[in-house]
Each structure stands twice: as C-alpha cells, then as structure tokens.
Amino acid sequence: MKYGESLYEGEYRGTFRTVSDKEHAEMIRLCVEEGLSFEKIAEHFSRSSRTSHTHIRKQNRAVERNGFCSACRRVSSELESEIAQKKTSD
C-alpha cells in the first residue's frame, strides 16, 4: 500500500452499506471505459443512482485538487488520475 494506507473494504452500517475502495474504482471504470450512466452503474452494484453520482463527483474533485484519487490509488487503478466522464466517440 502506498503511504501505508489500508485498503477500505466497506462495511454495513444498519440500513446501508458503505462503498469499498474496489467498488469505487469499479464505478469509475464503468463510467470512463464503458460509458455507463449513473443509473446503470447503480444497477450493477444494486445501489441508488445517488451513490454512483456521489462517488464519481468525489473522484473528480480529488483529481482536480490532488492530481489523483486516493481510493483508486489504494487499489492500484489505472484511472487514479482520470476525470470520470463518459468517453465520446470520434
């Protein structure tokens, strides 16, 4: 692990489950590489579209501020420095 940070596995908190680093990185991949909408990403994980929207915004803010997303970095995602947006076809 870089900087001694532990991988966040997610946890159950009563009525909801937090998003793990791996799940966050996969949400970003589905958005960037597959071009899926918030709703389709949410369906993939059986979550609300608000969850996918929140994590994609979190990614973008982290990249703009720090140059990378720490959750993606912890799982060694190739997209750690990417702004999460759908790829447009040429």
C-alpha atoms as a PDB file:
ATOM      1  CA  MET A   1       0.000   0.000   0.000  1.00  0.00           C
ATOM      2  CA  LYS A   2       1.264   3.455  -0.832  1.00  0.00           C
ATOM      3  CA  TYR A   3       1.803   5.796   2.090  1.00  0.00           C
ATOM      4  CA  GLY A   4       0.864   2.991   4.487  1.00  0.00           C
ATOM      5  CA  GLU A   5      -2.844   3.414   3.795  1.00  0.00           C
ATOM      6  CA  SER A   6      -5.009   0.359   4.330  1.00  0.00           C
ATOM      7  CA  LEU A   7      -7.500  -0.731   1.706  1.00  0.00           C
ATOM      8  CA  TYR A   8     -11.034   0.276   2.733  1.00  0.00           C
ATOM      9  CA  GLU A   9     -13.291  -2.770   2.453  1.00  0.00           C
ATOM     10  CA  GLY A  10     -16.660  -1.105   3.100  1.00  0.00           C
ATOM     11  CA  GLU A  11     -18.923  -2.015   5.967  1.00  0.00           C
ATOM     12  CA  TYR A  12     -22.550  -2.465   6.933  1.00  0.00           C
ATOM     13  CA  ARG A  13     -23.982   0.388   8.969  1.00  0.00           C
ATOM     14  CA  GLY A  14     -27.503  -0.544   9.916  1.00  0.00           C
ATOM     15  CA  THR A  15     -29.687   0.111   6.895  1.00  0.00           C
ATOM     16  CA  PHE A  16     -26.904   0.826   4.409  1.00  0.00           C
ATOM     17  CA  ARG A  17     -23.528  -0.449   3.252  1.00  0.00           C
ATOM     18  CA  THR A  18     -20.559   1.841   2.642  1.00  0.00           C
ATOM     19  CA  VAL A  19     -18.673   1.728  -0.664  1.00  0.00           C
ATOM     20  CA  SER A  20     -15.315  -0.074  -0.639  1.00  0.00           C
ATOM     21  CA  ASP A  21     -12.264   1.207  -2.481  1.00  0.00           C
ATOM     22  CA  LYS A  22     -12.595  -1.634  -5.015  1.00  0.00           C
ATOM     23  CA  GLU A  23     -16.246  -0.801  -5.623  1.00  0.00           C
ATOM     24  CA  HIS A  24     -15.414   2.907  -6.019  1.00  0.00           C
ATOM     25  CA  ALA A  25     -12.686   2.125  -8.566  1.00  0.00           C
ATOM     26  CA  GLU A  26     -15.063  -0.155 -10.484  1.00  0.00           C
ATOM     27  CA  MET A  27     -17.710   2.606 -10.569  1.00  0.00           C
ATOM     28  CA  ILE A  28     -15.129   4.915 -12.123  1.00  0.00           C
ATOM     29  CA  ARG A  29     -14.093   2.257 -14.646  1.00  0.00           C
ATOM     30  CA  LEU A  30     -17.706   1.638 -15.677  1.00  0.00           C
ATOM     31  CA  CYS A  31     -18.226   5.358 -16.197  1.00  0.00           C
ATOM     32  CA  VAL A  32     -14.991   6.043 -18.094  1.00  0.00           C
ATOM     33  CA  GLU A  33     -14.371   2.853 -20.067  1.00  0.00           C
ATOM     34  CA  GLU A  34     -17.900   1.507 -20.523  1.00  0.00           C
ATOM     35  CA  GLY A  35     -19.665   4.875 -20.733  1.00  0.00           C
ATOM     36  CA  LEU A  36     -22.437   3.761 -18.369  1.00  0.00           C
ATOM     37  CA  SER A  37     -24.872   6.224 -16.810  1.00  0.00           C
ATOM     38  CA  PHE A  38     -25.247   6.753 -13.057  1.00  0.00           C
ATOM     39  CA  GLU A  39     -28.382   4.613 -13.186  1.00  0.00           C
ATOM     40  CA  LYS A  40     -26.680   1.697 -14.992  1.00  0.00           C
ATOM     41  CA  ILE A  41     -23.698   1.822 -12.624  1.00  0.00           C
ATOM     42  CA  ALA A  42     -26.098   1.816  -9.663  1.00  0.00           C
ATOM     43  CA  GLU A  43     -27.960  -1.205 -11.069  1.00  0.00           C
ATOM     44  CA  HIS A  44     -24.665  -3.073 -11.468  1.00  0.00           C
ATOM     45  CA  PHE A  45     -23.993  -2.700  -7.715  1.00  0.00           C
ATOM     46  CA  SER A  46     -27.627  -2.824  -6.506  1.00  0.00           C
ATOM     47  CA  ARG A  47     -27.322   0.709  -5.153  1.00  0.00           C
ATOM     48  CA  SER A  48     -29.044   4.017  -5.714  1.00  0.00           C
ATOM     49  CA  SER A  49     -28.005   6.277  -8.587  1.00  0.00           C
ATOM     50  CA  ARG A  50     -27.155   8.886  -5.945  1.00  0.00           C
ATOM     51  CA  THR A  51     -24.357   6.628  -4.688  1.00  0.00           C
ATOM     52  CA  SER A  52     -22.712   6.323  -8.098  1.00  0.00           C
ATOM     53  CA  HIS A  53     -23.157  10.051  -8.705  1.00  0.00           C
ATOM     54  CA  THR A  54     -21.548  10.876  -5.341  1.00  0.00           C
ATOM     55  CA  HIS A  55     -18.516   8.662  -5.965  1.00  0.00           C
ATOM     56  CA  ILE A  56     -17.943   9.961  -9.474  1.00  0.00           C
ATOM     57  CA  ARG A  57     -18.063  13.544  -8.162  1.00  0.00           C
ATOM     58  CA  LYS A  58     -15.698  12.514  -5.336  1.00  0.00           C
ATOM     59  CA  GLN A  59     -13.251  11.146  -7.933  1.00  0.00           C
ATOM     60  CA  ASN A  60     -13.356  14.320  -9.996  1.00  0.00           C
ATOM     61  CA  ARG A  61     -12.860  16.635  -7.015  1.00  0.00           C
ATOM     62  CA  ALA A  62      -9.906  14.564  -5.755  1.00  0.00           C
ATOM     63  CA  VAL A  63      -8.222  14.535  -9.183  1.00  0.00           C
ATOM     64  CA  GLU A  64      -8.742  18.282  -9.626  1.00  0.00           C
ATOM     65  CA  ARG A  65      -7.418  19.023  -6.129  1.00  0.00           C
ATOM     66  CA  ASN A  66      -4.632  16.427  -5.671  1.00  0.00           C
ATOM     67  CA  GLY A  67      -3.987  15.030  -9.134  1.00  0.00           C
ATOM     68  CA  PHE A  68      -5.198  11.564  -8.072  1.00  0.00           C
ATOM     69  CA  CYS A  69      -7.953   9.740  -6.182  1.00  0.00           C
ATOM     70  CA  SER A  70      -6.674   8.034  -3.020  1.00  0.00           C
ATOM     71  CA  ALA A  71      -9.330   5.266  -3.158  1.00  0.00           C
ATOM     72  CA  CYS A  72      -8.291   4.382  -6.716  1.00  0.00           C
ATOM     73  CA  ARG A  73      -4.625   4.601  -5.781  1.00  0.00           C
ATOM     74  CA  ARG A  74      -5.102   2.138  -2.897  1.00  0.00           C
ATOM     75  CA  VAL A  75      -6.427  -0.475  -5.345  1.00  0.00           C
ATOM     76  CA  SER A  76      -3.822   0.410  -7.992  1.00  0.00           C
ATOM     77  CA  SER A  77      -6.419   1.553 -10.515  1.00  0.00           C
ATOM     78  CA  GLU A  78      -5.043   2.858 -13.795  1.00  0.00           C
ATOM     79  CA  LEU A  79      -7.744   5.534 -13.587  1.00  0.00           C
ATOM     80  CA  GLU A  80      -6.498   7.126 -10.354  1.00  0.00           C
ATOM     81  CA  SER A  81      -5.666  10.380 -12.177  1.00  0.00           C
ATOM     82  CA  GLU A  82      -8.607  10.424 -14.597  1.00  0.00           C
ATOM     83  CA  ILE A  83     -11.564  12.782 -14.509  1.00  0.00           C
ATOM     84  CA  ALA A  84     -14.567  10.445 -14.604  1.00  0.00           C
ATOM     85  CA  GLN A  85     -16.683  11.275 -17.592  1.00  0.00           C
ATOM     86  CA  LYS A  86     -18.066   9.237 -20.413  1.00  0.00           C
ATOM     87  CA  LYS A  87     -15.745   8.869 -23.377  1.00  0.00           C
ATOM     88  CA  THR A  88     -17.124  10.427 -26.527  1.00  0.00           C
ATOM     89  CA  SER A  89     -16.813   8.664 -29.846  1.00  0.00           C
ATOM     90  CA  ASP A  90     -14.825  10.383 -32.601  1.00  0.00           C
END
